[in-house]
C-alpha atoms as a PDB file:
ATOM      1  CA  MET A   1      18.359  -6.488 -23.672  1.00  0.00           C
ATOM      2  CA  PRO A   2      16.312  -8.040 -20.847  1.00  0.00           C
ATOM      3  CA  SER A   3      16.733  -5.880 -17.753  1.00  0.00           C
ATOM      4  CA  GLY A   4      14.986  -4.849 -14.587  1.00  0.00           C
ATOM      5  CA  MET A   5      15.384  -2.261 -11.863  1.00  0.00           C
ATOM      6  CA  HIS A   6      13.739  -2.163  -8.455  1.00  0.00           C
ATOM      7  CA  GLN A   7      13.994   0.325  -5.586  1.00  0.00           C
ATOM      8  CA  ILE A   8      13.165  -0.093  -1.927  1.00  0.00           C
ATOM      9  CA  GLU A   9      13.423   2.194   1.084  1.00  0.00           C
ATOM     10  CA  LEU A  10      14.969   0.814   4.230  1.00  0.00           C
ATOM     11  CA  ASP A  11      14.951   2.151   7.777  1.00  0.00           C
ATOM     12  CA  ILE A  12      18.620   1.200   7.925  1.00  0.00           C
ATOM     13  CA  PRO A  13      21.674   3.499   7.853  1.00  0.00           C
ATOM     14  CA  ILE A  14      23.676   3.399   4.609  1.00  0.00           C
ATOM     15  CA  GLU A  15      26.752   2.022   6.425  1.00  0.00           C
ATOM     16  CA  ASN A  16      24.772  -1.071   7.477  1.00  0.00           C
ATOM     17  CA  VAL A  17      23.416  -1.538   3.942  1.00  0.00           C
ATOM     18  CA  TRP A  18      26.983  -1.309   2.615  1.00  0.00           C
ATOM     19  CA  SER A  19      28.218  -3.804   5.181  1.00  0.00           C
ATOM     20  CA  PHE A  20      25.672  -6.310   3.893  1.00  0.00           C
ATOM     21  CA  VAL A  21      25.918  -5.855   0.107  1.00  0.00           C
ATOM     22  CA  SER A  22      29.713  -5.566   0.057  1.00  0.00           C
ATOM     23  CA  ASP A  23      29.933  -9.282   0.922  1.00  0.00           C
ATOM     24  CA  MET A  24      28.626 -11.616  -1.812  1.00  0.00           C
ATOM     25  CA  ASP A  25      28.178 -14.416   0.731  1.00  0.00           C
ATOM     26  CA  ASN A  26      25.329 -12.356   2.190  1.00  0.00           C
ATOM     27  CA  TRP A  27      23.282 -11.935  -0.967  1.00  0.00           C
ATOM     28  CA  ALA A  28      24.136 -14.882  -3.226  1.00  0.00           C
ATOM     29  CA  PRO A  29      21.838 -17.253  -1.230  1.00  0.00           C
ATOM     30  CA  LEU A  30      18.951 -14.811  -1.760  1.00  0.00           C
ATOM     31  CA  VAL A  31      18.923 -15.258  -5.557  1.00  0.00           C
ATOM     32  CA  PRO A  32      15.587 -16.837  -6.584  1.00  0.00           C
ATOM     33  CA  GLY A  33      16.118 -20.563  -7.218  1.00  0.00           C
ATOM     34  CA  TYR A  34      19.452 -20.540  -5.336  1.00  0.00           C
ATOM     35  CA  MET A  35      21.199 -23.908  -5.090  1.00  0.00           C
ATOM     36  CA  ASN A  36      24.762 -22.963  -4.112  1.00  0.00           C
ATOM     37  CA  HIS A  37      27.648 -20.597  -4.707  1.00  0.00           C
ATOM     38  CA  GLU A  38      31.410 -20.818  -4.484  1.00  0.00           C
ATOM     39  CA  MET A  39      33.703 -17.912  -3.711  1.00  0.00           C
ATOM     40  CA  ILE A  40      36.751 -17.848  -5.990  1.00  0.00           C
ATOM     41  CA  SER A  41      38.073 -14.574  -4.561  1.00  0.00           C
ATOM     42  CA  ASP A  42      36.575 -11.542  -2.820  1.00  0.00           C
ATOM     43  CA  ARG A  43      35.623 -10.226  -6.286  1.00  0.00           C
ATOM     44  CA  GLN A  44      34.629 -13.426  -8.073  1.00  0.00           C
ATOM     45  CA  SER A  45      32.250 -16.304  -7.445  1.00  0.00           C
ATOM     46  CA  THR A  46      30.120 -18.852  -9.268  1.00  0.00           C
ATOM     47  CA  TRP A  47      26.430 -19.206  -8.502  1.00  0.00           C
ATOM     48  CA  THR A  48      24.202 -22.159  -9.362  1.00  0.00           C
ATOM     49  CA  PHE A  49      20.437 -21.841  -9.334  1.00  0.00           C
ATOM     50  CA  LYS A  50      17.317 -23.318 -10.905  1.00  0.00           C
ATOM     51  CA  GLY A  51      15.956 -21.107 -13.607  1.00  0.00           C
ATOM     52  CA  ASN A  52      12.488 -21.449 -15.033  1.00  0.00           C
ATOM     53  CA  LEU A  53      12.509 -20.375 -18.687  1.00  0.00           C
ATOM     54  CA  GLY A  54       8.817 -20.571 -19.492  1.00  0.00           C
ATOM     55  CA  VAL A  55       7.971 -24.247 -19.944  1.00  0.00           C
ATOM     56  CA  MET A  56      11.551 -25.350 -19.360  1.00  0.00           C
ATOM     57  CA  GLU A  57      13.279 -25.615 -15.958  1.00  0.00           C
ATOM     58  CA  LYS A  58      17.051 -25.446 -16.158  1.00  0.00           C
ATOM     59  CA  ILE A  59      19.982 -25.439 -13.775  1.00  0.00           C
ATOM     60  CA  VAL A  60      22.100 -22.397 -14.573  1.00  0.00           C
ATOM     61  CA  SER A  61      25.611 -21.526 -13.389  1.00  0.00           C
ATOM     62  CA  LEU A  62      26.876 -17.975 -13.635  1.00  0.00           C
ATOM     63  CA  LYS A  63      30.272 -16.482 -12.905  1.00  0.00           C
ATOM     64  CA  ILE A  64      29.936 -13.193 -11.022  1.00  0.00           C
ATOM     65  CA  ASP A  65      32.779 -10.680 -11.297  1.00  0.00           C
ATOM     66  CA  ILE A  66      32.651  -7.597  -9.082  1.00  0.00           C
ATOM     67  CA  THR A  67      33.863  -4.756 -11.279  1.00  0.00           C
ATOM     68  CA  GLU A  68      33.653  -2.002  -8.693  1.00  0.00           C
ATOM     69  CA  TRP A  69      33.239  -1.526  -4.950  1.00  0.00           C
ATOM     70  CA  GLN A  70      32.319   2.112  -4.409  1.00  0.00           C
ATOM     71  CA  ALA A  71      31.849   2.348  -0.624  1.00  0.00           C
ATOM     72  CA  PRO A  72      29.306   3.042   0.760  1.00  0.00           C
ATOM     73  CA  THR A  73      27.079   3.471  -2.260  1.00  0.00           C
ATOM     74  CA  LYS A  74      27.576   0.966  -5.073  1.00  0.00           C
ATOM     75  CA  VAL A  75      28.546  -2.600  -5.953  1.00  0.00           C
ATOM     76  CA  THR A  76      28.765  -3.258  -9.710  1.00  0.00           C
ATOM     77  CA  PHE A  77      29.138  -6.711 -11.246  1.00  0.00           C
ATOM     78  CA  ASN A  78      29.278  -8.623 -14.533  1.00  0.00           C
ATOM     79  CA  LEU A  79      27.625 -11.999 -15.158  1.00  0.00           C
ATOM     80  CA  THR A  80      28.868 -14.696 -17.525  1.00  0.00           C
ATOM     81  CA  GLY A  81      27.265 -18.080 -18.166  1.00  0.00           C
ATOM     82  CA  VAL A  82      29.499 -20.979 -17.147  1.00  0.00           C
ATOM     83  CA  ASP A  83      27.782 -23.652 -19.267  1.00  0.00           C
ATOM     84  CA  GLU A  84      25.295 -21.478 -21.141  1.00  0.00           C
ATOM     85  CA  ASN A  85      25.805 -18.511 -23.438  1.00  0.00           C
ATOM     86  CA  PHE A  86      24.559 -15.730 -21.118  1.00  0.00           C
ATOM     87  CA  THR A  87      26.115 -12.352 -20.383  1.00  0.00           C
ATOM     88  CA  GLY A  88      24.970  -9.471 -18.282  1.00  0.00           C
ATOM     89  CA  ASP A  89      25.641  -7.001 -15.553  1.00  0.00           C
ATOM     90  CA  GLY A  90      24.036  -5.406 -12.565  1.00  0.00           C
ATOM     91  CA  TYR A  91      24.493  -3.323  -9.468  1.00  0.00           C
ATOM     92  CA  PHE A  92      23.211  -2.481  -6.034  1.00  0.00           C
ATOM     93  CA  GLU A  93      23.197   1.226  -5.290  1.00  0.00           C
ATOM     94  CA  ALA A  94      22.449   2.861  -1.961  1.00  0.00           C
ATOM     95  CA  ASN A  95      21.508   6.481  -1.381  1.00  0.00           C
ATOM     96  CA  ASP A  96      21.347   8.013   2.081  1.00  0.00           C
ATOM     97  CA  VAL A  97      17.923   9.545   2.703  1.00  0.00           C
ATOM     98  CA  ASN A  98      18.368  11.116   6.147  1.00  0.00           C
ATOM     99  CA  GLY A  99      21.143   9.364   8.070  1.00  0.00           C
ATOM    100  CA  ARG A 100      18.808   6.603   9.303  1.00  0.00           C
ATOM    101  CA  GLN A 101      17.108   5.601   6.050  1.00  0.00           C
ATOM    102  CA  THR A 102      18.540   4.353   2.773  1.00  0.00           C
ATOM    103  CA  LYS A 103      17.060   3.995  -0.692  1.00  0.00           C
ATOM    104  CA  MET A 104      18.487   0.872  -2.338  1.00  0.00           C
ATOM    105  CA  THR A 105      18.281   0.174  -6.061  1.00  0.00           C
ATOM    106  CA  GLY A 106      18.896  -3.229  -7.581  1.00  0.00           C
ATOM    107  CA  TYR A 107      19.545  -3.483 -11.330  1.00  0.00           C
ATOM    108  CA  LEU A 108      20.000  -6.624 -13.417  1.00  0.00           C
ATOM    109  CA  ASP A 109      20.544  -7.138 -17.147  1.00  0.00           C
ATOM    110  CA  ILE A 110      20.943 -10.631 -18.646  1.00  0.00           C
ATOM    111  CA  THR A 111      21.055 -11.512 -22.332  1.00  0.00           C
ATOM    112  CA  ALA A 112      21.134 -14.941 -23.947  1.00  0.00           C
ATOM    113  CA  LYS A 113      23.576 -15.187 -26.844  1.00  0.00           C
ATOM    114  CA  GLY A 114      24.082 -17.739 -29.592  1.00  0.00           C
ATOM    115  CA  MET A 115      21.531 -19.690 -31.589  1.00  0.00           C
ATOM    116  CA  MET A 116      19.071 -19.989 -28.691  1.00  0.00           C
ATOM    117  CA  GLY A 117      19.217 -16.267 -27.854  1.00  0.00           C
ATOM    118  CA  PRO A 118      16.313 -15.194 -30.102  1.00  0.00           C
ATOM    119  CA  MET A 119      14.053 -17.770 -28.399  1.00  0.00           C
ATOM    120  CA  ILE A 120      15.239 -17.216 -24.809  1.00  0.00           C
ATOM    121  CA  ASN A 121      15.482 -13.406 -24.713  1.00  0.00           C
ATOM    122  CA  PRO A 122      11.705 -12.784 -25.031  1.00  0.00           C
ATOM    123  CA  VAL A 123      11.213 -15.002 -21.964  1.00  0.00           C
ATOM    124  CA  LEU A 124      14.020 -13.178 -20.144  1.00  0.00           C
ATOM    125  CA  LYS A 125      12.326  -9.815 -20.846  1.00  0.00           C
ATOM    126  CA  THR A 126       9.541 -10.766 -18.442  1.00  0.00           C
ATOM    127  CA  LEU A 127      11.632 -12.988 -16.149  1.00  0.00           C
ATOM    128  CA  VAL A 128      14.596 -10.681 -15.403  1.00  0.00           C
ATOM    129  CA  PRO A 129      12.573  -7.748 -13.966  1.00  0.00           C
ATOM    130  CA  LYS A 130      10.604 -10.168 -11.780  1.00  0.00           C
ATOM    131  CA  LYS A 131      13.712 -11.974 -10.488  1.00  0.00           C
ATOM    132  CA  GLY A 132      15.553  -8.684  -9.969  1.00  0.00           C
ATOM    133  CA  LYS A 133      12.648  -7.406  -7.860  1.00  0.00           C
ATOM    134  CA  GLN A 134      12.544 -10.654  -5.881  1.00  0.00           C
ATOM    135  CA  LEU A 135      16.290 -10.462  -5.173  1.00  0.00           C
ATOM    136  CA  THR A 136      16.172  -6.790  -4.130  1.00  0.00           C
ATOM    137  CA  GLU A 137      13.159  -7.429  -1.870  1.00  0.00           C
ATOM    138  CA  ALA A 138      14.835 -10.516  -0.338  1.00  0.00           C
ATOM    139  CA  ILE A 139      17.972  -8.496   0.423  1.00  0.00           C
ATOM    140  CA  GLY A 140      15.818  -5.822   2.046  1.00  0.00           C
ATOM    141  CA  ARG A 141      13.981  -8.396   4.187  1.00  0.00           C
ATOM    142  CA  ARG A 142      17.246  -9.998   5.301  1.00  0.00           C
ATOM    143  CA  MET A 143      18.791  -6.648   6.216  1.00  0.00           C
ATOM    144  CA  ARG A 144      15.643  -5.635   8.149  1.00  0.00           C
ATOM    145  CA  ALA A 145      15.731  -8.923  10.071  1.00  0.00           C
ATOM    146  CA  MET A 146      19.409  -8.403  10.895  1.00  0.00           C
ATOM    147  CA  GLU A 147      18.733  -4.835  12.081  1.00  0.00           C
ATOM    148  CA  THR A 148      15.911  -6.074  14.321  1.00  0.00           C
ATOM    149  CA  VAL A 149      18.205  -8.666  15.924  1.00  0.00           C
ATOM    150  CA  ALA A 150      21.007  -6.096  16.369  1.00  0.00           C
ATOM    151  CA  THR A 151      18.769  -3.586  18.186  1.00  0.00           C
END
């Protein structure tokens, strides 16, 4: 199963990290290749982005279902392809380091199903860790910028 995990340390209190990641509107636009997203409810949205699968560029839509809000440490979600046969899951987890610093972990797992799965999954094995790292780093940059403005 194609997956990736990335950790970053932030000079941001865990409550501020939670405030950011507990709202999908904050992090959906940071997905690499982001085109748009639509909130269906506070726990469900659809995201559309351009995905580059090796030699093929494709517009992909995913339904995101939040399965658990565990304040202030974890947001867990499932992914389902809207038009494509993809499934997956992921999470953002925050751990307080010292009251002023937080270690944040981003995890993403996406698997292509169906007849195309055996051809797409090898590409996803290299793509998913890279995109997961890019998303986690982008969230960190955005939160740092917001902290700078707030102080």
